[in-house]
Protein backbone atom coordinates (compact mmCIF):
# COMPACT_ATOMS: atom_id res chain seq x y z
CA UNK A 1 81.86 84.91 62.08
CA UNK A 2 83.23 83.35 65.10
CA UNK A 3 86.14 85.78 65.03
CA UNK A 4 84.06 88.70 64.56
CA UNK A 5 81.90 87.74 67.55
CA UNK A 6 85.14 87.37 69.66
CA UNK A 7 86.24 91.15 68.84
CA UNK A 8 82.82 92.43 69.49
CA UNK A 9 82.79 90.64 72.90
CA UNK A 10 86.30 92.12 73.76
CA UNK A 11 85.36 95.63 72.63
CA UNK A 12 82.31 95.21 74.89
CA UNK A 13 84.32 94.19 77.78
CA UNK A 14 86.79 97.03 77.43
CA UNK A 15 83.87 99.49 77.24
CA UNK A 16 82.06 98.10 80.38
CA UNK A 17 85.14 98.09 82.53
CA UNK A 18 86.30 101.52 81.33
CA UNK A 19 83.90 103.14 83.61
CA UNK A 20 81.41 102.09 86.46
CA UNK A 21 77.91 101.20 85.66
CA UNK A 22 75.77 104.22 86.14
CA UNK A 23 72.68 102.11 84.99
CA UNK A 24 72.67 100.40 88.08
CA UNK A 25 73.42 103.45 90.41
CA UNK A 26 71.22 104.55 93.33
CA UNK A 27 70.66 108.27 93.02
CA UNK A 28 71.32 110.27 96.17
CA UNK A 29 69.78 113.73 96.07
CA UNK A 30 70.49 114.26 99.78
CA UNK A 31 74.05 115.32 98.83
CA UNK A 32 72.81 118.33 97.01
CA UNK A 33 73.07 120.37 100.10
CA UNK A 34 76.82 120.10 100.25
CA UNK A 35 77.06 121.59 96.88
CA UNK A 36 74.32 124.37 97.41
CA UNK A 37 75.97 125.22 100.84
CA UNK A 38 79.14 126.19 98.86
CA UNK A 39 77.30 127.66 96.12
CA UNK A 40 78.71 125.47 93.49
CA UNK A 41 77.50 122.98 91.04
CA UNK A 42 78.94 119.40 90.63
CA UNK A 43 78.27 115.71 91.38
CA UNK A 44 79.63 112.93 93.49
CA UNK A 45 79.68 109.29 92.90
CA UNK A 46 81.04 106.12 94.96
CA UNK A 47 81.12 102.43 94.44
CA UNK A 48 81.19 100.13 97.33
CA UNK A 49 83.42 97.46 96.15
CA UNK A 50 82.23 94.68 98.71
CA UNK A 51 78.53 95.03 97.32
CA UNK A 52 79.02 96.59 94.10
CA UNK A 53 76.48 99.34 94.82
CA UNK A 54 76.93 102.69 92.84
CA UNK A 55 75.52 105.90 94.41
CA UNK A 56 75.65 109.00 92.21
CA UNK A 57 74.30 112.48 92.97
CA UNK A 58 73.64 114.61 89.70
CA UNK A 59 73.89 111.79 87.01
CA UNK A 60 74.01 114.35 84.30
CA UNK A 61 77.43 115.67 85.29
CA UNK A 62 78.61 112.13 86.19
CA UNK A 63 78.75 110.99 82.53
CA UNK A 64 79.83 114.34 81.29
CA UNK A 65 83.53 114.93 80.52
CA UNK A 66 85.68 117.88 81.69
CA UNK A 67 89.24 118.44 81.67
CA UNK A 68 91.13 116.36 84.09
CA UNK A 69 93.51 119.02 85.46
CA UNK A 70 95.87 117.70 88.01
CA UNK A 71 94.12 114.45 88.33
CA UNK A 72 96.00 113.46 85.03
CA UNK A 73 99.08 113.44 87.31
CA UNK A 74 98.06 109.89 88.22
CA UNK A 75 98.39 108.66 84.73
CA UNK A 76 101.39 110.88 83.71
CA UNK A 77 103.11 109.43 86.84
CA UNK A 78 102.26 105.79 85.59
CA UNK A 79 103.43 106.41 82.10
CA UNK A 80 106.75 108.18 83.31
CA UNK A 81 107.50 105.31 85.45
CA UNK A 82 106.56 102.45 83.04
CA UNK A 83 108.59 103.95 80.08
CA UNK A 84 111.71 104.68 82.35
CA UNK A 85 111.65 108.22 82.07
CA UNK A 86 111.13 108.41 85.86
CA UNK A 87 113.11 105.89 87.79
CA UNK A 88 111.16 106.01 90.88
CA UNK A 89 109.23 108.35 93.28
CA UNK A 90 112.57 109.68 94.60
CA UNK A 91 113.74 111.01 91.29
CA UNK A 92 114.44 114.74 91.44
CA UNK A 93 113.93 117.20 88.45
CA UNK A 94 115.33 120.44 88.59
CA UNK A 95 113.23 123.39 89.06
CA UNK A 96 113.12 125.39 85.74
CA UNK A 97 113.42 128.82 87.53
CA UNK A 98 110.23 130.15 86.68
CA UNK A 99 108.48 131.80 89.69
CA UNK A 100 104.96 130.47 90.10
CA UNK A 101 102.01 131.43 92.43
CA UNK A 102 102.63 128.22 94.60
CA UNK A 103 105.87 128.70 96.45
CA UNK A 104 106.21 124.95 96.93
CA UNK A 105 106.61 124.55 93.24
CA UNK A 106 109.70 127.04 93.22
CA UNK A 107 112.42 124.31 93.91
CA UNK A 108 113.85 121.09 93.02
CA UNK A 109 111.37 118.30 93.68
CA UNK A 110 111.15 114.52 93.75
CA UNK A 111 108.19 112.80 92.07
CA UNK A 112 106.54 112.13 95.24
CA UNK A 113 107.04 115.85 96.53
CA UNK A 114 105.82 117.06 93.01
CA UNK A 115 102.80 114.80 93.25
CA UNK A 116 101.99 115.97 96.69
CA UNK A 117 101.90 119.55 96.01
CA UNK A 118 100.79 119.15 92.45
CA UNK A 119 103.70 120.81 90.76
CA UNK A 120 103.11 122.13 87.35
CA UNK A 121 106.75 122.41 86.27
CA UNK A 122 107.71 118.86 87.52
CA UNK A 123 104.81 117.16 85.30
CA UNK A 124 105.39 119.40 82.36
CA UNK A 125 108.82 118.04 82.17
CA UNK A 126 107.72 114.55 82.61
CA UNK A 127 105.17 114.70 79.84
CA UNK A 128 108.02 116.20 77.66
CA UNK A 129 110.32 113.34 78.26
CA UNK A 130 107.54 110.96 77.72
CA UNK A 131 106.85 112.54 74.12
CA UNK A 132 103.84 112.66 71.99
CA UNK A 133 103.74 109.49 70.25
CA UNK A 134 104.47 107.35 73.35
CA UNK A 135 101.80 109.47 75.36
CA UNK A 136 99.23 108.91 72.73
CA UNK A 137 99.96 105.21 72.56
CA UNK A 138 99.30 104.94 76.34
CA UNK A 139 96.24 107.19 76.57
CA UNK A 140 94.78 105.10 73.58
CA UNK A 141 95.62 101.86 75.46
CA UNK A 142 94.02 103.09 78.63
CA UNK A 143 90.95 104.49 76.52
CA UNK A 144 91.39 107.52 78.68
CA UNK A 145 88.22 109.81 78.33
CA UNK A 146 88.08 111.37 74.83
CA UNK A 147 91.78 110.26 74.12
CA UNK A 148 92.61 113.75 72.67
CA UNK A 149 96.22 114.70 73.36
CA UNK A 150 96.40 117.25 70.52
CA UNK A 151 98.19 120.50 71.21
CA UNK A 152 101.31 120.97 73.38
CA UNK A 153 102.54 117.78 74.72
CA UNK A 154 102.90 119.36 78.25
CA UNK A 155 99.51 120.74 78.65
CA UNK A 156 96.87 118.88 76.80
CA UNK A 157 95.27 117.89 80.21
CA UNK A 158 94.84 121.51 81.24
CA UNK A 159 93.76 123.23 78.02
CA UNK A 160 90.42 121.48 77.43
CA UNK A 161 91.78 119.14 74.93
CA UNK A 162 91.80 116.00 77.00
CA UNK A 163 88.46 115.45 78.83
CA UNK A 164 87.09 112.62 81.25
CA UNK A 165 84.01 111.97 83.01
CA UNK A 166 83.72 111.42 86.78
CA UNK A 167 82.27 107.97 85.88
CA UNK A 168 85.37 107.33 83.88
CA UNK A 169 87.60 108.50 86.68
CA UNK A 170 85.82 106.27 89.23
CA UNK A 171 86.74 103.27 86.65
CA UNK A 172 90.35 104.43 86.29
CA UNK A 173 91.01 104.51 90.18
CA UNK A 174 89.23 101.04 90.83
CA UNK A 175 91.71 99.49 88.22
CA UNK A 176 94.53 101.21 89.83
CA UNK A 177 93.79 100.03 93.16
CA UNK A 178 93.35 96.36 92.06
CA UNK A 179 96.56 96.65 89.87
CA UNK A 180 94.42 96.04 86.68
CA UNK A 181 95.95 98.87 84.61
CA UNK A 182 98.24 97.72 81.81
CA UNK A 183 101.30 98.67 83.71
CA UNK A 184 103.66 96.57 86.03
CA UNK A 185 102.49 96.04 89.54
CA UNK A 186 105.56 98.17 90.84
CA UNK A 187 104.70 101.03 88.75
CA UNK A 188 101.04 101.01 90.08
CA UNK A 189 102.17 100.43 93.67
CA UNK A 190 104.31 103.52 93.56
CA UNK A 191 101.53 105.79 92.32
CA UNK A 192 99.02 104.33 94.96
CA UNK A 193 101.56 104.94 97.66
CA UNK A 194 101.79 108.78 96.33
CA UNK A 195 98.04 108.88 96.51
CA UNK A 196 97.89 108.01 100.27
CA UNK A 197 96.93 111.21 102.05
CA UNK A 198 95.64 110.29 105.58
CA UNK A 199 96.57 107.02 107.32
CA UNK A 200 95.65 106.00 110.89
CA UNK A 201 93.86 103.19 112.84
CA UNK A 202 90.44 104.04 111.81
CA UNK A 203 90.64 104.65 107.99
CA UNK A 204 93.06 105.27 104.97
CA UNK A 205 92.12 108.14 102.65
CA UNK A 206 94.08 108.10 99.14
CA UNK A 207 93.26 110.75 96.59
CA UNK A 208 94.31 113.23 93.97
CA UNK A 209 92.88 116.62 93.49
CA UNK A 210 92.68 118.80 90.38
CA UNK A 211 91.70 122.35 89.33
CA UNK A 212 91.48 124.05 86.12
CA UNK A 213 89.01 126.13 83.83
CA UNK A 214 86.78 124.94 81.10
CA UNK A 215 86.14 126.89 77.82
CA UNK A 216 83.60 129.13 79.68
CA UNK A 217 86.07 129.96 82.33
CA UNK A 218 84.33 128.05 84.94
CA UNK A 219 86.42 126.44 87.78
CA UNK A 220 86.52 122.69 87.52
CA UNK A 221 87.74 120.96 90.71
CA UNK A 222 88.21 117.21 91.13
CA UNK A 223 88.93 115.02 94.31
CA UNK A 224 89.40 111.31 92.92
CA UNK A 225 90.24 108.19 95.02
CA UNK A 226 89.09 105.75 97.53
CA UNK A 227 88.65 105.34 101.28
CA UNK A 228 89.58 101.99 103.28
CA UNK A 229 87.90 101.07 106.53
CA UNK A 230 87.96 97.44 107.99
CA UNK A 231 89.63 96.04 104.99
CA UNK A 232 86.70 97.44 102.73
CA UNK A 233 87.41 99.63 99.90
CA UNK A 234 85.13 102.42 98.46
CA UNK A 235 86.06 104.40 95.36
CA UNK A 236 84.81 108.07 94.97
CA UNK A 237 84.82 111.07 92.68
CA UNK A 238 83.93 114.76 93.60
CA UNK A 239 83.36 116.99 90.88
CA UNK A 240 83.01 120.84 91.61
CA UNK A 241 82.04 123.40 88.96
CA UNK A 242 81.86 127.23 89.72
CA UNK A 243 81.75 130.38 87.54
CA UNK A 244 83.53 132.22 90.64
CA UNK A 245 87.22 132.98 89.61
CA UNK A 246 88.00 133.58 92.96
CA UNK A 247 86.57 130.35 94.47
CA UNK A 248 88.61 128.78 97.14
CA UNK A 249 88.67 125.45 95.38
CA UNK A 250 91.09 123.77 97.56
CA UNK A 251 88.92 124.29 100.65
CA UNK A 252 85.74 123.77 98.87
CA UNK A 253 86.37 120.58 97.14
CA UNK A 254 87.57 118.82 100.22
CA UNK A 255 84.91 120.10 102.62
CA UNK A 256 82.32 118.76 100.16
CA UNK A 257 84.12 115.45 99.85
CA UNK A 258 84.68 114.84 103.49
CA UNK A 259 81.13 116.04 104.43
CA UNK A 260 79.83 113.20 102.17
CA UNK A 261 82.11 110.67 103.46
CA UNK A 262 81.15 111.62 106.87
CA UNK A 263 77.32 111.46 106.09
CA UNK A 264 77.97 108.08 104.75
CA UNK A 265 79.60 107.15 107.97
CA UNK A 266 83.22 107.02 107.47
CA UNK A 267 86.05 108.22 109.50
CA UNK A 268 84.92 106.18 112.47
CA UNK A 269 86.55 102.82 111.58
CA UNK A 270 82.95 101.27 111.38
CA UNK A 271 82.34 100.87 107.71
């Protein structure tokens, strides 16, 4: 009986810490205007690590799962580094010669470069080198979303097989920041360094974006990361959904994210 209770407790702890507590969240409907002005649906969530306060706009979407798209490059990088398939952020993988829409992808790239420009071919190759069995083992260990990696090993994160909620994304990046994921500290530090996008005297902004299409061909956009000011860290996730096939997702997802962060008082070095 004692052993059974211990197992139940461990499962409970894993479940609780796999995401951020939405039960104690403050609902902030003032953020709706950012999505409405862009004519999109979506949600935003943030946790203040100092106080533990969680703020959410659109709770229904915050706990619903969607394809991770290129935000999966966070985990793909972690697994690639931890298993030695990728030696470090400077490791170059040769371009496969296939011309793609983003000219920045059409050349040999290091992992740091591929992460920055979100290269499809680089991370397809990383996944192939990791292999299905190893990939599945790590996804299960991380309890990443629905943990479904069926289908081609180099595309399950963009074909609506693997799915994750904004709340689960928030829990993942919080663990990553504090080196609490089941990887070596070196592995996690390399990925955190690659996520750093803006660094100045007022703040540090780290994130990974993603963009894909769900089963209904709605565009799904992500911004997943954290902002640091005055030695305090705040974790956030933006999800954008639109039926518009021609949406300028790159611009809209960042405008929404930065608009919200500005409303919350960031970018001044005062938080």
